[in-house]
Amino acid sequence: MTTTPDLTNARWRKALRSESAQGCVEVAFLSGDLVAVRDSKNPLKTAHVYPVAAWTVFQDHLRGLVPAEDSRIVVTITDDAVLLSDRQDQAPEHVYTHREWLFFLDGVLKREPQLCAAAA
């Protein structure tokens, strides 16, 4: 993971279906072609920061366009939660409920612009 930049003024975005959810996957597009990802339930936890290229590959993986091994961002689905981690860093994983993840995934599959780096 890239050294975490100052996220004080980051504009956090989420999938449209997440608007009414208590927790969600939040994404912020930063200068320097970086993307930050955090869990809205725990905004003080260190955000994961990735190059835009890694974010794009991750979204392509979620859409079934590239294999999981090609994605730096790892998704682990358990009976109780969905875990998001970084293959290249030992930063604490982010933990989402299945509902939160499904809302995020819906936004990715629909190519909602607020989740796509090209729209940032």
N, C-alpha and C. Protein backbone atom coordinates (compact mmCIF):
# COMPACT_ATOMS: atom_id res chain seq x y z
N MET A 1 0.85 -1.17 0.00
CA MET A 1 0.00 0.00 0.00
C MET A 1 0.89 1.23 0.00
N THR A 2 0.49 2.23 -0.69
CA THR A 2 1.22 3.49 -0.75
C THR A 2 1.14 4.19 0.60
N THR A 3 2.16 4.97 0.96
CA THR A 3 2.10 5.75 2.19
C THR A 3 0.81 6.56 2.20
N THR A 4 0.10 6.51 3.30
CA THR A 4 -1.20 7.16 3.36
C THR A 4 -1.06 8.67 3.30
N PRO A 5 -1.64 9.28 2.29
CA PRO A 5 -1.62 10.75 2.20
C PRO A 5 -2.61 11.35 3.20
N ASP A 6 -2.57 12.64 3.35
CA ASP A 6 -3.53 13.34 4.21
C ASP A 6 -4.92 13.21 3.59
N LEU A 7 -5.84 12.61 4.33
CA LEU A 7 -7.19 12.38 3.82
C LEU A 7 -8.22 13.33 4.43
N THR A 8 -7.73 14.37 5.12
CA THR A 8 -8.62 15.30 5.80
C THR A 8 -9.68 15.88 4.88
N ASN A 9 -9.30 16.25 3.68
CA ASN A 9 -10.25 16.87 2.75
C ASN A 9 -10.70 15.92 1.65
N ALA A 10 -10.50 14.63 1.85
CA ALA A 10 -10.92 13.66 0.83
C ALA A 10 -12.43 13.69 0.67
N ARG A 11 -12.87 13.52 -0.55
CA ARG A 11 -14.31 13.46 -0.85
C ARG A 11 -14.68 11.98 -0.97
N TRP A 12 -15.29 11.47 0.08
CA TRP A 12 -15.63 10.05 0.13
C TRP A 12 -16.92 9.80 -0.62
N ARG A 13 -16.92 8.73 -1.42
CA ARG A 13 -18.08 8.38 -2.24
C ARG A 13 -18.47 6.93 -1.95
N LYS A 14 -19.70 6.60 -2.28
CA LYS A 14 -20.17 5.23 -2.08
C LYS A 14 -21.18 4.88 -3.15
N ALA A 15 -21.48 3.60 -3.25
CA ALA A 15 -22.46 3.12 -4.22
C ALA A 15 -23.83 3.71 -3.90
N LEU A 16 -24.63 3.90 -4.93
CA LEU A 16 -25.96 4.49 -4.73
C LEU A 16 -26.81 3.70 -3.75
N ARG A 17 -26.78 2.38 -3.83
CA ARG A 17 -27.59 1.56 -2.92
C ARG A 17 -27.10 1.66 -1.48
N SER A 18 -25.89 2.14 -1.28
CA SER A 18 -25.33 2.28 0.07
C SER A 18 -25.84 3.52 0.80
N GLU A 19 -26.50 4.42 0.08
CA GLU A 19 -26.95 5.68 0.68
C GLU A 19 -27.74 5.48 1.97
N SER A 20 -28.58 4.46 2.01
CA SER A 20 -29.42 4.25 3.19
C SER A 20 -28.80 3.28 4.20
N ALA A 21 -27.65 2.72 3.86
CA ALA A 21 -27.01 1.74 4.74
C ALA A 21 -26.24 2.44 5.86
N GLN A 22 -26.15 1.78 7.01
CA GLN A 22 -25.40 2.34 8.13
C GLN A 22 -23.90 2.28 7.89
N GLY A 23 -23.44 1.27 7.20
CA GLY A 23 -22.03 1.13 6.91
C GLY A 23 -21.85 0.83 5.44
N CYS A 24 -20.67 1.15 4.92
CA CYS A 24 -20.45 0.88 3.50
C CYS A 24 -18.98 0.98 3.14
N VAL A 25 -18.68 0.52 1.93
CA VAL A 25 -17.36 0.70 1.34
C VAL A 25 -17.33 2.13 0.82
N GLU A 26 -16.35 2.92 1.26
CA GLU A 26 -16.21 4.29 0.79
C GLU A 26 -14.91 4.43 0.01
N VAL A 27 -14.97 5.22 -1.06
CA VAL A 27 -13.85 5.40 -1.97
C VAL A 27 -13.59 6.89 -2.15
N ALA A 28 -12.32 7.29 -2.16
CA ALA A 28 -11.94 8.68 -2.44
C ALA A 28 -10.84 8.67 -3.49
N PHE A 29 -11.00 9.50 -4.50
CA PHE A 29 -9.99 9.63 -5.54
C PHE A 29 -9.10 10.81 -5.17
N LEU A 30 -7.80 10.55 -5.12
CA LEU A 30 -6.83 11.52 -4.61
C LEU A 30 -5.91 12.00 -5.72
N SER A 31 -5.23 13.10 -5.44
CA SER A 31 -4.23 13.57 -6.40
C SER A 31 -3.12 12.53 -6.49
N GLY A 32 -2.37 12.59 -7.55
CA GLY A 32 -1.28 11.63 -7.72
C GLY A 32 -1.76 10.28 -8.20
N ASP A 33 -2.95 10.23 -8.79
CA ASP A 33 -3.50 8.98 -9.32
C ASP A 33 -3.59 7.89 -8.26
N LEU A 34 -4.15 8.25 -7.10
CA LEU A 34 -4.34 7.31 -6.01
C LEU A 34 -5.83 7.20 -5.67
N VAL A 35 -6.18 6.05 -5.11
CA VAL A 35 -7.54 5.78 -4.65
C VAL A 35 -7.45 5.31 -3.20
N ALA A 36 -8.25 5.90 -2.32
CA ALA A 36 -8.31 5.46 -0.92
C ALA A 36 -9.62 4.71 -0.71
N VAL A 37 -9.57 3.67 0.10
CA VAL A 37 -10.75 2.86 0.40
C VAL A 37 -10.83 2.72 1.92
N ARG A 38 -12.03 2.92 2.46
CA ARG A 38 -12.20 2.77 3.91
C ARG A 38 -13.58 2.18 4.20
N ASP A 39 -13.77 1.85 5.47
CA ASP A 39 -15.04 1.34 5.96
C ASP A 39 -15.72 2.48 6.70
N SER A 40 -16.90 2.87 6.26
CA SER A 40 -17.57 4.02 6.87
C SER A 40 -17.91 3.78 8.34
N LYS A 41 -18.00 2.53 8.76
CA LYS A 41 -18.28 2.22 10.16
C LYS A 41 -17.08 2.53 11.05
N ASN A 42 -15.91 2.57 10.44
CA ASN A 42 -14.67 2.76 11.19
C ASN A 42 -13.77 3.74 10.44
N PRO A 43 -14.19 5.00 10.30
CA PRO A 43 -13.42 5.96 9.49
C PRO A 43 -12.05 6.32 10.06
N LEU A 44 -11.81 6.02 11.32
CA LEU A 44 -10.50 6.32 11.91
C LEU A 44 -9.47 5.23 11.62
N LYS A 45 -9.94 4.07 11.18
CA LYS A 45 -9.02 3.00 10.81
C LYS A 45 -8.29 3.42 9.54
N THR A 46 -7.04 3.06 9.44
CA THR A 46 -6.23 3.44 8.29
C THR A 46 -6.90 3.02 6.99
N ALA A 47 -7.05 3.97 6.09
CA ALA A 47 -7.60 3.67 4.77
C ALA A 47 -6.56 2.92 3.95
N HIS A 48 -7.02 2.05 3.08
CA HIS A 48 -6.13 1.42 2.11
C HIS A 48 -5.97 2.41 0.96
N VAL A 49 -4.75 2.59 0.48
CA VAL A 49 -4.48 3.51 -0.63
C VAL A 49 -3.79 2.74 -1.74
N TYR A 50 -4.34 2.87 -2.94
CA TYR A 50 -3.84 2.13 -4.10
C TYR A 50 -3.63 3.06 -5.28
N PRO A 51 -2.74 2.68 -6.19
CA PRO A 51 -2.67 3.40 -7.46
C PRO A 51 -3.98 3.18 -8.23
N VAL A 52 -4.37 4.15 -9.03
CA VAL A 52 -5.60 4.03 -9.82
C VAL A 52 -5.58 2.76 -10.67
N ALA A 53 -4.42 2.41 -11.21
CA ALA A 53 -4.33 1.20 -12.04
C ALA A 53 -4.72 -0.04 -11.26
N ALA A 54 -4.32 -0.14 -9.99
CA ALA A 54 -4.69 -1.29 -9.16
C ALA A 54 -6.19 -1.30 -8.89
N TRP A 55 -6.78 -0.13 -8.70
CA TRP A 55 -8.23 -0.02 -8.47
C TRP A 55 -9.00 -0.48 -9.72
N THR A 56 -8.51 -0.09 -10.88
CA THR A 56 -9.16 -0.48 -12.13
C THR A 56 -9.11 -1.99 -12.33
N VAL A 57 -7.96 -2.60 -12.07
CA VAL A 57 -7.83 -4.06 -12.19
C VAL A 57 -8.76 -4.74 -11.19
N PHE A 58 -8.84 -4.21 -9.97
CA PHE A 58 -9.73 -4.77 -8.95
C PHE A 58 -11.18 -4.75 -9.43
N GLN A 59 -11.63 -3.62 -9.96
CA GLN A 59 -13.00 -3.54 -10.45
C GLN A 59 -13.21 -4.50 -11.62
N ASP A 60 -12.22 -4.62 -12.49
CA ASP A 60 -12.33 -5.58 -13.60
C ASP A 60 -12.42 -7.00 -13.07
N HIS A 61 -11.69 -7.30 -12.00
CA HIS A 61 -11.80 -8.63 -11.37
C HIS A 61 -13.22 -8.85 -10.85
N LEU A 62 -13.77 -7.87 -10.16
CA LEU A 62 -15.13 -8.01 -9.62
C LEU A 62 -16.16 -8.20 -10.73
N ARG A 63 -15.88 -7.66 -11.89
CA ARG A 63 -16.78 -7.81 -13.05
C ARG A 63 -16.52 -9.10 -13.81
N GLY A 64 -15.55 -9.90 -13.35
CA GLY A 64 -15.25 -11.17 -14.00
C GLY A 64 -14.39 -11.06 -15.24
N LEU A 65 -13.70 -9.93 -15.39
CA LEU A 65 -12.90 -9.71 -16.60
C LEU A 65 -11.45 -10.13 -16.46
N VAL A 66 -10.95 -10.20 -15.23
CA VAL A 66 -9.57 -10.64 -15.00
C VAL A 66 -9.57 -11.58 -13.79
N PRO A 67 -8.61 -12.52 -13.74
CA PRO A 67 -8.57 -13.45 -12.61
C PRO A 67 -8.15 -12.76 -11.31
N ALA A 68 -8.53 -13.37 -10.20
CA ALA A 68 -8.24 -12.82 -8.87
C ALA A 68 -6.74 -12.59 -8.68
N GLU A 69 -5.92 -13.47 -9.23
CA GLU A 69 -4.47 -13.36 -9.04
C GLU A 69 -3.91 -12.07 -9.63
N ASP A 70 -4.61 -11.49 -10.58
CA ASP A 70 -4.14 -10.25 -11.21
C ASP A 70 -4.44 -9.02 -10.37
N SER A 71 -5.27 -9.17 -9.36
CA SER A 71 -5.68 -8.03 -8.54
C SER A 71 -4.84 -7.92 -7.28
N ARG A 72 -4.31 -6.75 -7.05
CA ARG A 72 -3.56 -6.47 -5.82
C ARG A 72 -4.50 -6.49 -4.61
N ILE A 73 -5.74 -6.09 -4.83
CA ILE A 73 -6.73 -6.00 -3.77
C ILE A 73 -7.43 -7.36 -3.65
N VAL A 74 -7.44 -7.90 -2.44
CA VAL A 74 -7.95 -9.25 -2.21
C VAL A 74 -9.28 -9.18 -1.46
N VAL A 75 -10.25 -9.96 -1.93
CA VAL A 75 -11.54 -10.08 -1.27
C VAL A 75 -11.64 -11.50 -0.72
N THR A 76 -11.95 -11.60 0.58
CA THR A 76 -12.17 -12.90 1.20
C THR A 76 -13.58 -12.89 1.78
N ILE A 77 -14.39 -13.84 1.34
CA ILE A 77 -15.77 -13.91 1.81
C ILE A 77 -15.87 -15.06 2.81
N THR A 78 -16.34 -14.73 4.01
CA THR A 78 -16.54 -15.73 5.06
C THR A 78 -18.04 -15.85 5.34
N ASP A 79 -18.40 -16.72 6.25
CA ASP A 79 -19.81 -16.85 6.62
C ASP A 79 -20.34 -15.57 7.26
N ASP A 80 -19.46 -14.81 7.92
CA ASP A 80 -19.90 -13.66 8.69
C ASP A 80 -19.59 -12.30 8.07
N ALA A 81 -18.64 -12.25 7.13
CA ALA A 81 -18.18 -10.94 6.67
C ALA A 81 -17.47 -11.05 5.32
N VAL A 82 -17.15 -9.89 4.78
CA VAL A 82 -16.31 -9.79 3.59
C VAL A 82 -15.08 -8.97 4.00
N LEU A 83 -13.91 -9.52 3.74
CA LEU A 83 -12.66 -8.90 4.16
C LEU A 83 -11.93 -8.36 2.93
N LEU A 84 -11.45 -7.14 3.04
CA LEU A 84 -10.70 -6.51 1.96
C LEU A 84 -9.27 -6.29 2.44
N SER A 85 -8.30 -6.80 1.70
CA SER A 85 -6.90 -6.66 2.10
C SER A 85 -6.03 -6.38 0.87
N ASP A 86 -4.76 -6.11 1.15
CA ASP A 86 -3.79 -5.73 0.11
C ASP A 86 -2.71 -6.80 0.03
N ARG A 87 -2.50 -7.36 -1.14
CA ARG A 87 -1.45 -8.38 -1.32
C ARG A 87 -0.05 -7.83 -1.02
N GLN A 88 0.14 -6.53 -1.17
CA GLN A 88 1.47 -5.95 -1.05
C GLN A 88 1.71 -5.24 0.28
N ASP A 89 0.79 -5.33 1.20
CA ASP A 89 0.94 -4.61 2.46
C ASP A 89 0.26 -5.39 3.58
N GLN A 90 0.78 -5.24 4.77
CA GLN A 90 0.21 -5.93 5.93
C GLN A 90 -0.75 -5.04 6.71
N ALA A 91 -1.26 -4.00 6.09
CA ALA A 91 -2.21 -3.11 6.77
C ALA A 91 -3.43 -3.91 7.21
N PRO A 92 -4.07 -3.48 8.28
CA PRO A 92 -5.26 -4.19 8.76
C PRO A 92 -6.32 -4.27 7.66
N GLU A 93 -6.93 -5.44 7.56
CA GLU A 93 -7.98 -5.60 6.55
C GLU A 93 -9.22 -4.82 6.96
N HIS A 94 -10.02 -4.49 5.98
CA HIS A 94 -11.30 -3.85 6.24
C HIS A 94 -12.36 -4.94 6.25
N VAL A 95 -13.32 -4.82 7.16
CA VAL A 95 -14.34 -5.84 7.33
C VAL A 95 -15.70 -5.23 7.05
N TYR A 96 -16.42 -5.86 6.12
CA TYR A 96 -17.75 -5.38 5.72
C TYR A 96 -18.78 -6.48 5.93
N THR A 97 -20.02 -6.07 6.15
CA THR A 97 -21.09 -7.06 6.20
C THR A 97 -21.38 -7.50 4.77
N HIS A 98 -22.06 -8.63 4.63
CA HIS A 98 -22.43 -9.09 3.29
C HIS A 98 -23.32 -8.06 2.60
N ARG A 99 -24.21 -7.45 3.34
CA ARG A 99 -25.11 -6.44 2.76
C ARG A 99 -24.32 -5.24 2.24
N GLU A 100 -23.38 -4.75 3.03
CA GLU A 100 -22.54 -3.62 2.60
C GLU A 100 -21.78 -3.98 1.32
N TRP A 101 -21.23 -5.19 1.29
CA TRP A 101 -20.46 -5.61 0.13
C TRP A 101 -21.36 -5.73 -1.11
N LEU A 102 -22.54 -6.29 -0.94
CA LEU A 102 -23.45 -6.44 -2.09
C LEU A 102 -23.84 -5.09 -2.66
N PHE A 103 -24.06 -4.10 -1.82
CA PHE A 103 -24.39 -2.76 -2.31
C PHE A 103 -23.22 -2.18 -3.10
N PHE A 104 -22.00 -2.35 -2.58
CA PHE A 104 -20.81 -1.88 -3.28
C PHE A 104 -20.64 -2.61 -4.61
N LEU A 105 -20.77 -3.93 -4.57
CA LEU A 105 -20.61 -4.73 -5.78
C LEU A 105 -21.64 -4.34 -6.83
N ASP A 106 -22.86 -4.06 -6.40
CA ASP A 106 -23.89 -3.61 -7.33
C ASP A 106 -23.44 -2.33 -8.04
N GLY A 107 -22.86 -1.41 -7.30
CA GLY A 107 -22.36 -0.17 -7.90
C GLY A 107 -21.23 -0.41 -8.88
N VAL A 108 -20.34 -1.33 -8.55
CA VAL A 108 -19.22 -1.66 -9.44
C VAL A 108 -19.76 -2.29 -10.73
N LEU A 109 -20.67 -3.24 -10.58
CA LEU A 109 -21.21 -3.92 -11.76
C LEU A 109 -21.99 -2.98 -12.66
N LYS A 110 -22.63 -1.98 -12.07
CA LYS A 110 -23.39 -0.99 -12.85
C LYS A 110 -22.49 0.14 -13.35
N ARG A 111 -21.21 0.08 -13.01
CA ARG A 111 -20.23 1.10 -13.39
C ARG A 111 -20.67 2.50 -12.95
N GLU A 112 -21.15 2.58 -11.71
CA GLU A 112 -21.55 3.88 -11.17
C GLU A 112 -20.34 4.81 -11.20
N PRO A 113 -20.51 6.00 -11.77
CA PRO A 113 -19.36 6.88 -11.98
C PRO A 113 -18.61 7.28 -10.71
N GLN A 114 -19.29 7.38 -9.58
CA GLN A 114 -18.62 7.81 -8.35
C GLN A 114 -17.64 6.75 -7.84
N LEU A 115 -17.71 5.53 -8.39
CA LEU A 115 -16.79 4.46 -7.98
C LEU A 115 -15.69 4.22 -9.00
N CYS A 116 -15.76 4.89 -10.14
CA CYS A 116 -14.80 4.67 -11.23
C CYS A 116 -13.77 5.79 -11.27
N ALA A 117 -12.53 5.42 -11.38
CA ALA A 117 -11.45 6.41 -11.39
C ALA A 117 -11.58 7.39 -12.55
N ALA A 118 -12.08 6.95 -13.67
CA ALA A 118 -12.20 7.83 -14.84
C ALA A 118 -13.17 8.97 -14.60
N ALA A 119 -14.08 8.79 -13.65
CA ALA A 119 -15.09 9.82 -13.38
C ALA A 119 -14.64 10.79 -12.30
N ALA A 120 -13.52 10.50 -11.66
CA ALA A 120 -13.08 11.33 -10.53
C ALA A 120 -12.69 12.73 -10.93
